[in-house]
Amino acid sequence: MTQRIAILGAKGGVGGTTVAWHLANTLAGQGRSVLLVDLDPAGSLGIHLRQGRKHAREEARFETGMADLLLYPGEKALEPYPWKESSLSILPRGPLSPSEWTSYQEALADPERLGKALDALQDHAAFDLILLDAPGGLHPGAEAAIRNAKLCFLCVQAQPLAGEAAKAALHWIDHIEKEMQDSGQDPATFLGLLSTMVKSKSRLSTTVSEEIRALDPAGLGIEIPYGAIYPAASRLGLSLQEIPTCEAPHKEAFERLATRVLVQVGKASASGEEEDFGPALWDRILQYCRDTAKADAAFVMDTQGLAIASAGPISAEEVENAGTRLMISFEHAGRIDREAGAESIVFQFEKKTLTGLLFRPSEDQSFTLGILSTEALSPQQRDSIVRVAEDLLQGHLTYPSPKVAT
């Protein structure tokens, strides 16, 4: 079932389109079929991508778009633009003449018309996710996006007065949610606030980001660090994964955001039931382990020492031997009896480095994650894996903040 996600901005210029672009690429890179739709009246997405001269010929194809679908439904042959060789497709705003501007604004602000346009897109092709790059601020078009989405989150730039803009937007979203509930509609699940353009070396920026997080303590808890790499990449039509010089914190921020989105998508179904806590969830964690650590293989064991899932060229016997070695090592270290959290141990195993991460979401339940790699994990890689595993597990279990011990 296709899930729609509205990406909102507390006001214009907070990096919403940049977030939408890199989140869409990250989700597509994880094997999801993604459609990114530009709902910004200014056509920010198409403008952004056209600026890259390297892809100018490809972007010249943006001759139709969302404006045609809203203003002239059924009159023009329209299909999203596949992006390169990935599972990402794009629907920009498309050309808009001055005489069409008012009509387009009215159509964009009409939840019913927008809903029909999005339904037409879903009928045209099967997408796992449709990301809606909504207009910034308390715009009627953003409200229509919320009313047609299953999930939404709010981008807030870490700068002075951001808190006031965030408070106003939160009240506005809450009002829309109550209106939908009163009319018998299912409101979008609000994932939380996303701090953008956070400058780690600026006390003012980090303080504002902490204030933003305090407004929504149960929300995303994710910061997008400031970096020229984001707009530069999107203008060239590149994902962060395609840029060798992209630093780990930039990639990790969007990987965490994508993980949190996928957890919520997994919990949402037609019946409203949650996705089972099972192999599919562990497959995501194990694949992330292999990608992040360039690992040969990864596996997970339950409290009884039984293999739950594995990834990579590793036999059942090797999983059993490595898993047993890890569990004995944790027991010998006296860590099994410690309070819930995540702890680690590292040693050589059959000419490889075996890293074990022990997760204890409750007193009577534990999971041991094993990562087999040529080289030892860096602290950054290890911490990133712990955070992502925690994010996924939080969608299914009550999980404390992780503790990592070397």
Protein backbone atom coordinates (compact mmCIF):
# COMPACT_ATOMS: atom_id res chain seq x y z
CA MET A 1 0.00 0.00 0.00
CA THR A 2 1.37 3.39 -1.01
CA GLN A 3 2.05 5.76 1.88
CA ARG A 4 2.14 9.53 1.45
CA ILE A 5 4.50 11.64 3.55
CA ALA A 6 4.16 15.43 3.75
CA ILE A 7 7.41 17.34 4.34
CA LEU A 8 6.49 20.66 5.91
CA GLY A 9 8.43 23.82 6.77
CA ALA A 10 7.76 26.10 9.73
CA LYS A 11 8.34 28.87 7.19
CA GLY A 12 9.94 29.22 3.78
CA GLY A 13 13.69 28.80 3.36
CA VAL A 14 14.25 26.22 6.10
CA GLY A 15 15.64 23.59 3.71
CA GLY A 16 12.43 21.63 3.15
CA THR A 17 13.10 20.92 -0.52
CA THR A 18 16.69 19.90 0.22
CA VAL A 19 15.45 17.55 2.96
CA ALA A 20 12.81 16.13 0.60
CA TRP A 21 15.38 15.47 -2.13
CA HIS A 22 17.94 13.72 0.06
CA LEU A 23 15.34 11.76 2.02
CA ALA A 24 13.82 10.54 -1.26
CA ASN A 25 17.25 9.46 -2.51
CA THR A 26 18.07 7.72 0.76
CA LEU A 27 14.78 5.80 0.75
CA ALA A 28 15.25 4.86 -2.91
CA GLY A 29 18.77 3.71 -2.11
CA GLN A 30 17.27 1.34 0.44
CA GLY A 31 15.20 -0.32 -2.27
CA ARG A 32 11.94 1.60 -1.91
CA SER A 33 10.05 2.80 -4.97
CA VAL A 34 9.71 6.53 -4.28
CA LEU A 35 7.88 9.38 -6.01
CA LEU A 36 8.88 12.92 -5.02
CA VAL A 37 6.15 15.46 -5.80
CA ASP A 38 6.76 19.22 -5.87
CA LEU A 39 3.82 21.04 -4.25
CA ASP A 40 5.70 24.31 -3.77
CA PRO A 41 3.98 27.00 -5.89
CA ALA A 42 7.43 28.41 -6.67
CA GLY A 43 8.45 25.08 -8.22
CA SER A 44 11.52 24.82 -5.99
CA LEU A 45 12.36 21.21 -6.83
CA GLY A 46 12.46 21.70 -10.60
CA ILE A 47 14.40 24.96 -10.25
CA HIS A 48 16.85 23.29 -7.88
CA LEU A 49 17.55 20.41 -10.24
CA ARG A 50 17.77 22.56 -13.38
CA GLN A 51 20.67 24.50 -11.88
CA GLY A 52 23.03 21.58 -12.37
CA ARG A 53 24.58 22.05 -15.81
CA LYS A 54 25.73 18.44 -15.80
CA HIS A 55 22.11 17.33 -15.94
CA ALA A 56 20.69 20.24 -17.96
CA ARG A 57 19.70 18.04 -20.89
CA GLU A 58 17.89 15.61 -18.60
CA GLU A 59 16.09 18.37 -16.68
CA ALA A 60 14.91 19.97 -19.93
CA ARG A 61 12.35 17.16 -19.98
CA PHE A 62 10.40 18.87 -17.16
CA GLU A 63 7.83 20.19 -19.61
CA THR A 64 4.80 18.94 -17.67
CA GLY A 65 4.17 18.53 -13.99
CA MET A 66 1.85 18.83 -11.02
CA ALA A 67 0.35 22.07 -12.35
CA ASP A 68 -0.98 20.24 -15.41
CA LEU A 69 -2.37 17.44 -13.26
CA LEU A 70 -4.24 19.89 -11.01
CA LEU A 71 -5.41 22.39 -13.63
CA TYR A 72 -6.07 20.07 -16.58
CA PRO A 73 -6.78 16.59 -15.19
CA GLY A 74 -6.96 13.99 -17.92
CA GLU A 75 -6.13 16.44 -20.72
CA LYS A 76 -2.37 15.86 -20.97
CA ALA A 77 -0.38 12.65 -21.06
CA LEU A 78 1.51 12.84 -17.82
CA GLU A 79 3.85 10.50 -16.03
CA PRO A 80 6.52 11.04 -13.39
CA TYR A 81 10.10 11.34 -14.56
CA PRO A 82 12.29 8.34 -13.64
CA TRP A 83 15.51 9.61 -12.10
CA LYS A 84 18.62 8.00 -13.55
CA GLU A 85 18.83 4.29 -12.80
CA SER A 86 17.38 4.45 -9.29
CA SER A 87 13.92 3.59 -7.97
CA LEU A 88 13.22 7.32 -7.56
CA SER A 89 10.78 9.23 -9.78
CA ILE A 90 10.08 12.96 -9.76
CA LEU A 91 7.05 15.09 -10.53
CA PRO A 92 8.03 18.79 -10.56
CA ARG A 93 5.54 21.63 -10.59
CA GLY A 94 6.06 22.13 -14.31
CA PRO A 95 5.63 25.33 -16.35
CA LEU A 96 3.06 27.84 -15.09
CA SER A 97 2.04 31.01 -16.93
CA PRO A 98 1.11 34.22 -15.05
CA SER A 99 -2.53 33.78 -16.09
CA GLU A 100 -2.60 30.32 -14.45
CA TRP A 101 -1.03 31.35 -11.16
CA THR A 102 -4.20 32.18 -9.22
CA SER A 103 -6.03 29.10 -10.49
CA TYR A 104 -3.10 26.90 -9.54
CA GLN A 105 -2.94 28.32 -6.02
CA GLU A 106 -6.67 27.65 -5.59
CA ALA A 107 -6.35 24.09 -6.91
CA LEU A 108 -3.32 23.38 -4.72
CA ALA A 109 -5.20 24.56 -1.62
CA ASP A 110 -8.19 22.29 -2.32
CA PRO A 111 -7.66 18.99 -0.42
CA GLU A 112 -10.16 17.16 -2.61
CA ARG A 113 -8.58 18.22 -5.90
CA LEU A 114 -5.12 17.46 -4.60
CA GLY A 115 -6.30 14.07 -3.38
CA LYS A 116 -7.72 13.17 -6.80
CA ALA A 117 -4.46 14.20 -8.46
CA LEU A 118 -2.42 12.05 -6.08
CA ASP A 119 -4.83 9.14 -6.58
CA ALA A 120 -4.28 9.45 -10.33
CA LEU A 121 -0.52 9.21 -9.79
CA GLN A 122 -0.95 6.08 -7.69
CA ASP A 123 -3.21 4.55 -10.35
CA HIS A 124 -0.57 5.27 -12.98
CA ALA A 125 2.29 3.44 -11.23
CA ALA A 126 2.87 1.47 -8.05
CA PHE A 127 5.00 3.41 -5.57
CA ASP A 128 5.91 2.37 -2.05
CA LEU A 129 6.17 5.98 -0.91
CA ILE A 130 5.04 9.36 -2.22
CA LEU A 131 6.91 12.29 -0.67
CA LEU A 132 5.10 15.62 -0.85
CA ASP A 133 7.41 18.65 -0.82
CA ALA A 134 4.83 21.03 0.66
CA PRO A 135 4.85 24.84 0.54
CA GLY A 136 6.67 26.47 3.44
CA GLY A 137 4.82 28.09 6.31
CA LEU A 138 1.14 27.94 7.18
CA HIS A 139 0.17 27.76 3.53
CA PRO A 140 -3.24 26.41 2.39
CA GLY A 141 -1.36 24.08 0.04
CA ALA A 142 0.57 22.67 2.99
CA GLU A 143 -2.71 22.05 4.81
CA ALA A 144 -4.05 20.19 1.76
CA ALA A 145 -0.87 18.09 1.77
CA ILE A 146 -1.37 17.20 5.45
CA ARG A 147 -4.98 16.21 4.80
CA ASN A 148 -3.83 13.84 2.04
CA ALA A 149 -0.85 12.31 3.86
CA LYS A 150 -0.41 9.34 6.16
CA LEU A 151 2.69 10.80 7.84
CA CYS A 152 4.16 14.28 8.15
CA PHE A 153 7.02 16.09 9.84
CA LEU A 154 8.05 19.73 10.21
CA CYS A 155 11.43 21.21 9.24
CA VAL A 156 12.64 24.02 11.51
CA GLN A 157 15.87 25.90 10.85
CA ALA A 158 18.12 26.27 13.90
CA GLN A 159 18.21 30.06 13.99
CA PRO A 160 16.85 32.79 16.31
CA LEU A 161 13.03 33.00 16.55
CA ALA A 162 12.74 29.45 15.18
CA GLY A 163 10.95 28.43 18.37
CA GLU A 164 8.13 30.90 17.78
CA ALA A 165 7.65 29.72 14.19
CA ALA A 166 7.67 26.10 15.36
CA LYS A 167 5.08 26.77 18.09
CA ALA A 168 2.74 28.45 15.61
CA ALA A 169 3.13 25.57 13.15
CA LEU A 170 2.52 22.96 15.87
CA HIS A 171 -0.72 24.68 16.92
CA TRP A 172 -1.76 24.81 13.27
CA ILE A 173 -1.05 21.11 12.71
CA ASP A 174 -2.89 20.24 15.92
CA HIS A 175 -5.91 22.25 14.74
CA ILE A 176 -5.97 20.39 11.40
CA GLU A 177 -5.71 17.06 13.22
CA LYS A 178 -8.67 17.88 15.48
CA GLU A 179 -10.77 19.05 12.54
CA MET A 180 -10.10 15.80 10.71
CA GLN A 181 -10.93 13.72 13.77
CA ASP A 182 -14.17 15.64 14.32
CA SER A 183 -15.19 14.94 10.72
CA GLY A 184 -14.43 11.22 11.03
CA GLN A 185 -11.18 11.30 9.02
CA ASP A 186 -7.89 9.70 10.01
CA PRO A 187 -5.33 12.49 10.50
CA ALA A 188 -1.73 12.13 9.42
CA THR A 189 0.66 10.78 12.02
CA PHE A 190 2.93 13.65 13.05
CA LEU A 191 6.49 12.32 13.32
CA GLY A 192 7.87 15.46 14.96
CA LEU A 193 10.19 18.41 14.41
CA LEU A 194 13.35 18.16 12.32
CA SER A 195 16.09 20.68 13.12
CA THR A 196 17.86 21.79 9.94
CA MET A 197 21.08 23.70 9.21
CA VAL A 198 22.47 22.98 12.69
CA LYS A 199 26.00 24.38 13.06
CA SER A 200 27.77 22.13 15.56
CA LYS A 201 30.43 24.75 16.32
CA SER A 202 27.92 27.53 16.93
CA ARG A 203 26.61 27.76 20.48
CA LEU A 204 23.62 29.79 19.26
CA SER A 205 22.69 27.21 16.62
CA THR A 206 23.02 24.21 18.95
CA THR A 207 21.08 26.03 21.69
CA VAL A 208 18.24 26.79 19.30
CA SER A 209 18.25 23.16 18.15
CA GLU A 210 17.95 22.03 21.78
CA GLU A 211 15.02 24.43 22.25
CA ILE A 212 13.35 22.98 19.16
CA ARG A 213 13.81 19.47 20.51
CA ALA A 214 12.35 20.54 23.87
CA LEU A 215 9.15 21.60 22.09
CA ASP A 216 8.71 18.04 20.86
CA PRO A 217 10.61 15.70 23.24
CA ALA A 218 8.88 12.57 21.92
CA GLY A 219 9.47 13.50 18.28
CA LEU A 220 12.20 12.73 15.77
CA GLY A 221 15.18 13.86 17.83
CA ILE A 222 17.21 14.18 14.61
CA GLU A 223 19.35 17.11 13.49
CA ILE A 224 20.39 17.85 9.92
CA PRO A 225 23.85 19.42 10.24
CA TYR A 226 24.68 22.54 8.31
CA GLY A 227 26.65 21.87 5.15
CA ALA A 228 27.09 23.27 1.66
CA ILE A 229 27.13 19.66 0.47
CA TYR A 230 23.31 19.43 0.58
CA PRO A 231 22.31 22.16 -1.90
CA ALA A 232 25.38 21.44 -4.03
CA ALA A 233 24.40 17.78 -4.35
CA SER A 234 20.74 18.45 -5.10
CA ARG A 235 21.60 21.06 -7.73
CA LEU A 236 23.72 18.44 -9.47
CA GLY A 237 20.97 15.88 -9.11
CA LEU A 238 23.17 13.73 -6.88
CA SER A 239 22.46 11.76 -3.74
CA LEU A 240 24.82 12.02 -0.78
CA GLN A 241 25.88 8.42 -1.43
CA GLU A 242 27.20 9.48 -4.86
CA ILE A 243 29.60 12.03 -3.36
CA PRO A 244 32.83 10.40 -2.10
CA THR A 245 33.77 13.47 -0.04
CA CYS A 246 30.46 13.59 1.83
CA GLU A 247 31.18 13.27 5.55
CA ALA A 248 29.54 10.56 7.64
CA PRO A 249 27.35 12.86 9.84
CA HIS A 250 25.55 14.19 6.76
CA LYS A 251 24.72 10.73 5.45
CA GLU A 252 23.86 9.37 8.88
CA ALA A 253 21.33 12.13 9.55
CA PHE A 254 19.29 11.14 6.51
CA GLU A 255 19.77 7.43 7.14
CA ARG A 256 18.29 7.93 10.61
CA LEU A 257 15.44 9.99 9.19
CA ALA A 258 14.74 7.35 6.53
CA THR A 259 14.80 4.63 9.19
CA ARG A 260 12.32 6.50 11.38
CA VAL A 261 10.02 7.01 8.39
CA LEU A 262 10.21 3.32 7.45
CA VAL A 263 9.42 2.27 11.01
CA GLN A 264 6.24 4.35 10.92
CA VAL A 265 5.38 3.15 7.42
CA GLY A 266 5.77 -0.42 8.64
CA LYS A 267 3.36 0.26 11.50
CA ALA A 268 0.73 1.76 9.19
CA SER A 269 -1.51 -0.65 7.29
CA ALA A 270 -5.04 -0.70 5.97
CA SER A 271 -6.24 -2.36 9.15
CA GLY A 272 -4.23 -0.05 11.38
CA GLU A 273 -2.28 -2.97 12.84
CA GLU A 274 1.42 -2.84 13.51
CA GLU A 275 3.94 -4.74 11.45
CA ASP A 276 5.20 -7.87 13.18
CA PHE A 277 8.53 -7.63 14.94
CA GLY A 278 10.26 -10.23 12.81
CA PRO A 279 12.71 -11.08 10.02
CA ALA A 280 11.80 -8.14 7.76
CA LEU A 281 12.80 -5.71 10.49
CA TRP A 282 16.09 -7.48 11.18
CA ASP A 283 16.81 -7.60 7.44
CA ARG A 284 16.84 -3.80 7.43
CA ILE A 285 19.20 -3.66 10.40
CA LEU A 286 21.55 -6.30 8.99
CA GLN A 287 21.68 -4.61 5.58
CA TYR A 288 22.48 -1.31 7.25
CA CYS A 289 25.27 -3.03 9.20
CA ARG A 290 26.81 -4.41 6.02
CA ASP A 291 26.52 -1.11 4.16
CA THR A 292 27.87 1.03 7.00
CA ALA A 293 30.73 -1.23 8.10
CA LYS A 294 31.48 -2.67 4.64
CA ALA A 295 30.95 -5.96 6.47
CA ASP A 296 31.21 -9.39 4.89
CA ALA A 297 28.27 -10.69 6.91
CA ALA A 298 25.99 -9.90 9.83
CA PHE A 299 23.60 -11.92 11.97
CA VAL A 300 21.37 -11.65 15.03
CA MET A 301 20.73 -14.14 17.86
CA ASP A 302 17.91 -14.19 20.40
CA THR A 303 18.07 -14.64 24.19
CA GLN A 304 18.32 -18.43 23.83
CA GLY A 305 21.19 -18.24 21.36
CA LEU A 306 19.05 -19.13 18.34
CA ALA A 307 19.72 -17.41 15.02
CA ILE A 308 16.93 -15.02 13.99
CA ALA A 309 18.35 -13.75 10.71
CA SER A 310 21.61 -13.41 8.80
CA ALA A 311 22.90 -11.53 5.77
CA GLY A 312 25.90 -12.15 3.55
CA PRO A 313 27.96 -15.24 2.69
CA ILE A 314 27.85 -16.96 6.07
CA SER A 315 26.67 -20.51 6.75
CA ALA A 316 24.29 -21.57 9.51
CA GLU A 317 27.19 -23.36 11.22
CA GLU A 318 29.35 -20.22 11.13
CA VAL A 319 26.48 -18.15 12.55
CA GLU A 320 26.07 -20.66 15.38
CA ASN A 321 29.80 -20.73 16.17
CA ALA A 322 30.24 -16.96 16.04
CA GLY A 323 27.02 -16.33 17.96
CA THR A 324 27.98 -18.78 20.69
CA ARG A 325 31.39 -17.14 21.00
CA LEU A 326 29.77 -13.72 21.38
CA MET A 327 27.25 -14.82 23.99
CA ILE A 328 29.93 -16.58 26.06
CA SER A 329 32.10 -13.47 25.86
CA PHE A 330 29.28 -11.23 27.05
CA GLU A 331 28.47 -13.61 29.90
CA HIS A 332 32.13 -13.83 30.89
CA ALA A 333 32.32 -10.03 30.96
CA GLY A 334 29.33 -9.97 33.30
CA ARG A 335 27.36 -7.77 30.94
CA ILE A 336 24.31 -9.97 30.56
CA ASP A 337 23.07 -8.94 34.01
CA ARG A 338 23.50 -5.23 33.49
CA GLU A 339 20.60 -2.88 33.02
CA ALA A 340 18.98 -2.53 29.60
CA GLY A 341 21.04 -0.88 26.90
CA ALA A 342 23.46 -1.73 24.10
CA GLU A 343 27.06 -2.79 24.72
CA SER A 344 29.81 -4.09 22.48
CA ILE A 345 32.70 -6.51 22.37
CA VAL A 346 35.31 -7.09 19.65
CA PHE A 347 37.70 -9.98 18.91
CA GLN A 348 39.26 -11.95 16.06
CA PHE A 349 37.26 -14.82 14.60
CA GLU A 350 38.55 -16.97 11.74
CA LYS A 351 40.89 -14.24 10.41
CA LYS A 352 38.09 -11.67 10.53
CA THR A 353 37.05 -9.05 13.05
CA LEU A 354 33.86 -10.01 14.88
CA THR A 355 31.98 -7.16 16.55
CA GLY A 356 29.14 -8.03 18.89
CA LEU A 357 26.44 -5.60 20.03
CA LEU A 358 24.21 -6.65 22.90
CA PHE A 359 20.75 -5.08 23.03
CA ARG A 360 18.51 -5.61 26.06
CA PRO A 361 15.12 -3.95 25.45
CA SER A 362 13.74 -5.58 28.61
CA GLU A 363 14.92 -7.63 31.59
CA ASP A 364 13.86 -10.93 30.05
CA GLN A 365 14.75 -10.23 26.43
CA SER A 366 18.06 -9.68 24.66
CA PHE A 367 19.40 -9.65 21.11
CA THR A 368 23.01 -10.15 20.08
CA LEU A 369 24.00 -8.55 16.79
CA GLY A 370 27.17 -9.92 15.18
CA ILE A 371 29.12 -8.11 12.45
CA LEU A 372 31.92 -9.93 10.62
CA SER A 373 34.29 -7.61 8.75
CA THR A 374 37.84 -7.41 7.43
CA GLU A 375 38.64 -4.34 9.51
CA ALA A 376 37.43 -3.29 12.93
CA LEU A 377 34.49 -0.90 13.05
CA SER A 378 35.31 2.71 13.80
CA PRO A 379 33.55 4.26 16.82
CA GLN A 380 31.46 6.32 14.39
CA GLN A 381 30.35 3.23 12.45
CA ARG A 382 29.54 1.36 15.64
CA ASP A 383 27.56 4.25 17.13
CA SER A 384 25.68 4.75 13.86
CA ILE A 385 24.63 1.09 13.79
CA VAL A 386 23.49 1.28 17.42
CA ARG A 387 21.41 4.39 16.70
CA VAL A 388 19.77 2.91 13.62
CA ALA A 389 19.03 -0.38 15.38
CA GLU A 390 17.53 1.58 18.26
CA ASP A 391 15.38 3.62 15.88
CA LEU A 392 14.00 0.47 14.29
CA LEU A 393 13.46 -1.32 17.58
CA GLN A 394 11.69 1.70 19.08
CA GLY A 395 8.86 1.17 16.65
CA HIS A 396 8.10 -2.19 18.27
CA LEU A 397 9.54 -2.24 21.78
CA THR A 398 9.95 0.11 24.70
CA TYR A 399 13.64 0.82 24.33
CA PRO A 400 16.01 2.88 26.51
CA SER A 401 18.85 5.05 25.31
CA PRO A 402 21.74 2.83 24.17
CA LYS A 403 24.96 2.39 26.12
CA VAL A 404 28.03 1.36 24.19
CA ALA A 405 31.07 0.01 26.01
CA THR A 406 34.29 -0.89 24.25
